[in-house]
Each structure stands twice: as C-alpha cells, then as structure tokens.
Amino acid sequence: MVRVTKAEAAAHRAAIVRAAGRLFRARGIAAVGVADVTRAAGLTHGGFYGHFTSKEALAAEAIAEAFAEGRRRLGGRGVEGYVRGYVSRAHRDHPEDGCPLLAFSGSAARGDEVETALADGAEALIEALAELLEARADETAEQRRDRAAALLAAAIGGQVLARALVRTDREFSDRVLAQTRILALDLAGDDATRAEIEGSAKG
C-alpha cells in the first residue's frame, strides 16, 4: 500500500474539490458521480472517502470554494469589473467556471449541507459587494446591503435568461446580457455612459 504525505493528501483533496466544482456546475450535482469526479481529478475512486464522507459534503465544499473564488475576483476587479465579467458572454457560455448560485439555486437534488453552503456563500458575496459599493447620498449601511443584493439578483436573472435563450436566439441572448449589464452597473452607481456600456457588449 502506497502511503502519501500530508502535502500530497492536501493536493489530492484540492484536486477533487476543483474537479467537482467544475463538473457540478456544468452538469448538476445529481448527474455527476463520485467516479466522474475522481477521474477528472486524475485519482482513483477508492481514495474519495478518505477525504469526504459523502458526495453532498464534497458539493458543499466545492460550492464554498467557488464562492471564495468569486470574492477573490471581486476584490481584484472591483464592482464594475466584477459586473462586466459576471454579465458576460464568457460566463454564459462556460457554466463550469461560473457562479454557484446560477448552477445550484434551482437544483432539486441537494441536502442541508448544500443549502447551507449556498446561503452562506450568497450572504458573504452580498456583504463583499456592499463593502465595495460607493455609498449614495443619505444611504444607510442596510440600504447599501440591499442594493448589493438587488445588483446580484439582477445579474443572476439576466444570466439565467441569457442562457435559456442562447441556443435558439444568440443575438437576443447577447442583447439581454447588454441590457442587464446596464441595469447592474446603474445599481452599482457606475458613472460610465450608456454608450460606453453598450459598446462593451460586443467584447
């Protein structure tokens, strides 16, 4: 029996989480088996339960890591850059790298651990957005948090609609993204002109 070091075990666990995050977001939790995840991670099926007690536990960790990555992107890009990346064709066309709220919010195949990971991740993302939003005149901290939630809800809704339309009417799907970007940037207090925003829709 080959023993692995703590560093190797940690690397294996991280590889499983990364692979699971991409597969679950691309196909849904119910459609992905443990063997699919370990194969994508370049590992054997037998080692899975040395790291996780269940697929649900893995899904919860993968969701938490996806949210953490989203917050890192937000911190690096700022609100405007984050919105432009979120409400984009690249995000629409590559769900495996996208927001867990888009992938899992409507999923019926999830348990308490996944529900908790989604709720905790959503609240943390809203708080991070609120902290970066420039306060408007006479706006309280609670109102700014509400605005951050509305911004995220608009971005999610626009992406859901754009993804639903893209196979039958890509041009209309692109327009939905462009208009959603305008709305989300307005909620963010962005001072870019409408022409500049619309021009970026082609990028």
Protein backbone atom coordinates (compact mmCIF):
# COMPACT_ATOMS: atom_id res chain seq x y z
CA MET A 1 0.00 0.00 0.00
CA VAL A 2 1.45 3.34 -1.04
CA ARG A 3 1.43 5.98 1.65
CA VAL A 4 1.03 9.61 0.74
CA THR A 5 2.42 12.59 2.58
CA LYS A 6 0.20 15.22 4.20
CA ALA A 7 1.11 17.60 1.40
CA GLU A 8 0.12 15.03 -1.23
CA ALA A 9 -3.14 14.29 0.58
CA ALA A 10 -3.94 18.00 0.70
CA ALA A 11 -3.15 18.32 -3.01
CA HIS A 12 -5.41 15.35 -3.79
CA ARG A 13 -8.24 16.86 -1.79
CA ALA A 14 -7.86 20.21 -3.54
CA ALA A 15 -7.84 18.48 -6.93
CA ILE A 16 -11.07 16.65 -6.05
CA VAL A 17 -12.73 19.91 -4.96
CA ARG A 18 -11.66 21.70 -8.15
CA ALA A 19 -12.84 18.89 -10.38
CA ALA A 20 -16.14 18.59 -8.50
CA GLY A 21 -16.76 22.32 -8.72
CA ARG A 22 -16.40 22.32 -12.50
CA LEU A 23 -18.40 19.14 -13.08
CA PHE A 24 -21.22 20.02 -10.68
CA ARG A 25 -21.61 23.47 -12.21
CA ALA A 26 -21.53 22.11 -15.76
CA ARG A 27 -23.90 19.15 -15.28
CA GLY A 28 -25.58 19.46 -11.88
CA ILE A 29 -24.87 17.54 -8.69
CA ALA A 30 -27.27 14.68 -9.38
CA ALA A 31 -25.79 13.95 -12.81
CA VAL A 32 -22.21 13.60 -11.58
CA GLY A 33 -20.95 10.53 -9.74
CA VAL A 34 -18.03 10.17 -7.37
CA ALA A 35 -16.16 8.16 -10.03
CA ASP A 36 -16.61 11.05 -12.50
CA VAL A 37 -15.05 13.47 -10.03
CA THR A 38 -12.07 11.34 -9.08
CA ARG A 39 -11.41 10.50 -12.74
CA ALA A 40 -11.43 14.20 -13.65
CA ALA A 41 -9.07 14.86 -10.74
CA GLY A 42 -6.69 12.17 -12.00
CA LEU A 43 -7.23 10.00 -8.92
CA THR A 44 -8.75 6.62 -8.14
CA HIS A 45 -12.29 6.17 -6.90
CA GLY A 46 -11.15 4.32 -3.78
CA GLY A 47 -9.49 7.30 -2.18
CA PHE A 48 -12.56 9.53 -2.21
CA TYR A 49 -13.97 8.55 1.17
CA GLY A 50 -10.65 9.20 2.82
CA HIS A 51 -11.34 12.86 2.13
CA PHE A 52 -15.14 13.19 2.20
CA THR A 53 -17.95 11.41 3.98
CA SER A 54 -20.39 11.84 1.09
CA LYS A 55 -20.93 13.46 -2.29
CA GLU A 56 -23.08 16.08 -0.56
CA ALA A 57 -20.17 17.02 1.72
CA LEU A 58 -17.96 17.38 -1.34
CA ALA A 59 -20.59 19.50 -3.10
CA ALA A 60 -20.84 21.81 -0.09
CA GLU A 61 -17.06 22.30 -0.03
CA ALA A 62 -16.89 22.81 -3.79
CA ILE A 63 -19.63 25.45 -3.54
CA ALA A 64 -17.83 27.22 -0.69
CA GLU A 65 -14.61 27.27 -2.74
CA ALA A 66 -16.46 28.60 -5.80
CA PHE A 67 -17.86 31.46 -3.73
CA ALA A 68 -14.42 32.17 -2.30
CA GLU A 69 -13.05 32.39 -5.82
CA GLY A 70 -15.88 34.77 -6.73
CA ARG A 71 -14.99 37.03 -3.81
CA ARG A 72 -11.33 36.98 -4.86
CA ARG A 73 -12.36 38.07 -8.35
CA LEU A 74 -14.49 40.83 -6.87
CA GLY A 75 -11.60 42.05 -4.74
CA GLY A 76 -9.26 42.06 -7.71
CA ARG A 77 -11.59 43.66 -10.24
CA GLY A 78 -13.77 45.94 -8.16
CA VAL A 79 -17.54 46.09 -8.55
CA GLU A 80 -17.57 47.39 -12.13
CA GLY A 81 -15.10 44.78 -13.37
CA TYR A 82 -16.92 42.05 -11.48
CA VAL A 83 -20.29 43.01 -13.00
CA ARG A 84 -18.84 43.13 -16.50
CA GLY A 85 -17.33 39.69 -16.02
CA TYR A 86 -20.45 38.21 -14.45
CA VAL A 87 -22.89 39.56 -17.02
CA SER A 88 -20.83 38.45 -19.99
CA ARG A 89 -20.95 36.01 -22.84
CA ALA A 90 -17.94 34.16 -21.42
CA HIS A 91 -19.81 33.50 -18.16
CA ARG A 92 -22.93 32.50 -20.09
CA ASP A 93 -21.05 30.09 -22.33
CA HIS A 94 -18.82 28.49 -19.66
CA PRO A 95 -21.00 27.48 -16.70
CA GLU A 96 -18.31 25.13 -15.40
CA ASP A 97 -16.34 28.18 -14.24
CA GLY A 98 -19.34 30.23 -13.19
CA CYS A 99 -21.27 31.33 -10.15
CA PRO A 100 -22.66 28.53 -7.93
CA LEU A 101 -25.89 30.49 -7.47
CA LEU A 102 -26.58 30.09 -11.18
CA ALA A 103 -25.72 26.40 -11.14
CA PHE A 104 -27.43 25.21 -7.98
CA SER A 105 -30.19 27.58 -6.86
CA GLY A 106 -32.85 25.71 -8.81
CA SER A 107 -31.49 22.23 -8.18
CA ALA A 108 -33.84 19.75 -6.55
CA ALA A 109 -31.05 17.30 -5.74
CA ARG A 110 -29.45 18.95 -2.74
CA GLY A 111 -29.42 18.45 1.00
CA ASP A 112 -28.88 20.51 4.12
CA GLU A 113 -25.11 20.86 3.66
CA VAL A 114 -25.51 22.18 0.13
CA GLU A 115 -28.35 24.52 1.16
CA THR A 116 -26.19 25.92 3.95
CA ALA A 117 -23.18 26.38 1.66
CA LEU A 118 -25.33 28.25 -0.88
CA ALA A 119 -26.92 30.51 1.74
CA ASP A 120 -23.63 31.26 3.50
CA GLY A 121 -21.85 31.90 0.20
CA ALA A 122 -24.59 34.20 -1.07
CA GLU A 123 -24.61 36.27 2.11
CA ALA A 124 -20.82 36.56 2.13
CA LEU A 125 -20.81 37.67 -1.52
CA ILE A 126 -23.51 40.27 -0.89
CA GLU A 127 -21.55 41.60 2.09
CA ALA A 128 -18.40 41.81 -0.03
CA LEU A 129 -20.27 43.69 -2.76
CA ALA A 130 -21.82 46.07 -0.23
CA GLU A 131 -18.42 46.89 1.24
CA LEU A 132 -17.11 47.91 -2.17
CA LEU A 133 -20.14 49.92 -3.29
CA GLU A 134 -19.75 53.66 -3.01
CA ALA A 135 -22.42 54.94 -0.65
CA ARG A 136 -25.09 57.13 -2.19
CA ALA A 137 -26.37 60.28 -0.54
CA ASP A 138 -28.18 59.53 2.73
CA GLU A 139 -27.85 55.77 2.13
CA THR A 140 -27.57 53.64 5.27
CA ALA A 141 -25.39 50.54 5.54
CA GLU A 142 -28.53 48.38 5.44
CA GLN A 143 -29.76 50.12 2.28
CA ARG A 144 -26.35 49.63 0.65
CA ARG A 145 -26.51 45.92 1.50
CA ASP A 146 -29.99 45.77 -0.04
CA ARG A 147 -28.65 47.46 -3.17
CA ALA A 148 -25.84 44.89 -3.35
CA ALA A 149 -28.44 42.11 -3.11
CA ALA A 150 -30.52 43.72 -5.87
CA LEU A 151 -27.42 44.08 -8.05
CA LEU A 152 -26.56 40.39 -7.63
CA ALA A 153 -30.18 39.35 -8.23
CA ALA A 154 -30.27 41.37 -11.46
CA ALA A 155 -27.00 39.83 -12.67
CA ILE A 156 -28.20 36.30 -11.86
CA GLY A 157 -31.58 36.83 -13.52
CA GLY A 158 -30.01 38.25 -16.65
CA GLN A 159 -27.65 35.30 -16.92
CA VAL A 160 -30.44 32.77 -16.38
CA LEU A 161 -32.49 34.34 -19.18
CA ALA A 162 -29.49 34.70 -21.50
CA ARG A 163 -28.58 31.04 -21.03
CA ALA A 164 -32.16 29.98 -21.71
CA LEU A 165 -32.18 31.92 -25.00
CA VAL A 166 -28.69 31.31 -26.34
CA ARG A 167 -29.33 28.08 -28.27
CA THR A 168 -32.34 29.40 -30.17
CA ASP A 169 -31.55 33.11 -30.46
CA ARG A 170 -27.94 34.02 -29.64
CA GLU A 171 -28.34 37.61 -30.82
CA PHE A 172 -31.26 38.21 -28.45
CA SER A 173 -29.35 36.47 -25.66
CA ASP A 174 -26.45 38.89 -26.23
CA ARG A 175 -28.85 41.84 -26.02
CA VAL A 176 -30.28 40.53 -22.74
CA LEU A 177 -26.75 40.48 -21.32
CA ALA A 178 -26.06 44.01 -22.56
CA GLN A 179 -29.24 45.41 -21.02
CA THR A 180 -28.67 43.51 -17.78
CA ARG A 181 -25.16 44.98 -17.58
CA ILE A 182 -26.63 48.48 -17.88
CA LEU A 183 -29.08 47.77 -15.06
CA ALA A 184 -26.49 46.17 -12.81
CA LEU A 185 -23.95 48.94 -13.35
CA ASP A 186 -26.62 51.51 -12.58
CA LEU A 187 -27.32 49.72 -9.29
CA ALA A 188 -23.60 49.74 -8.64
CA GLY A 189 -23.53 53.51 -9.06
CA ASP A 190 -21.26 53.23 -12.09
CA ASP A 191 -20.79 56.55 -13.88
CA ALA A 192 -19.98 55.10 -17.32
CA THR A 193 -22.19 56.37 -20.08
CA ARG A 194 -24.82 54.15 -21.69
CA ALA A 195 -22.94 54.29 -24.98
CA GLU A 196 -19.74 53.04 -23.35
CA ILE A 197 -21.60 50.16 -21.68
CA GLU A 198 -23.39 49.18 -24.88
CA GLY A 199 -20.12 49.30 -26.77
CA SER A 200 -18.63 46.79 -24.35
CA ALA A 201 -21.43 44.30 -25.11
CA LYS A 202 -19.51 43.19 -28.19
CA GLY A 203 -16.47 42.32 -26.11
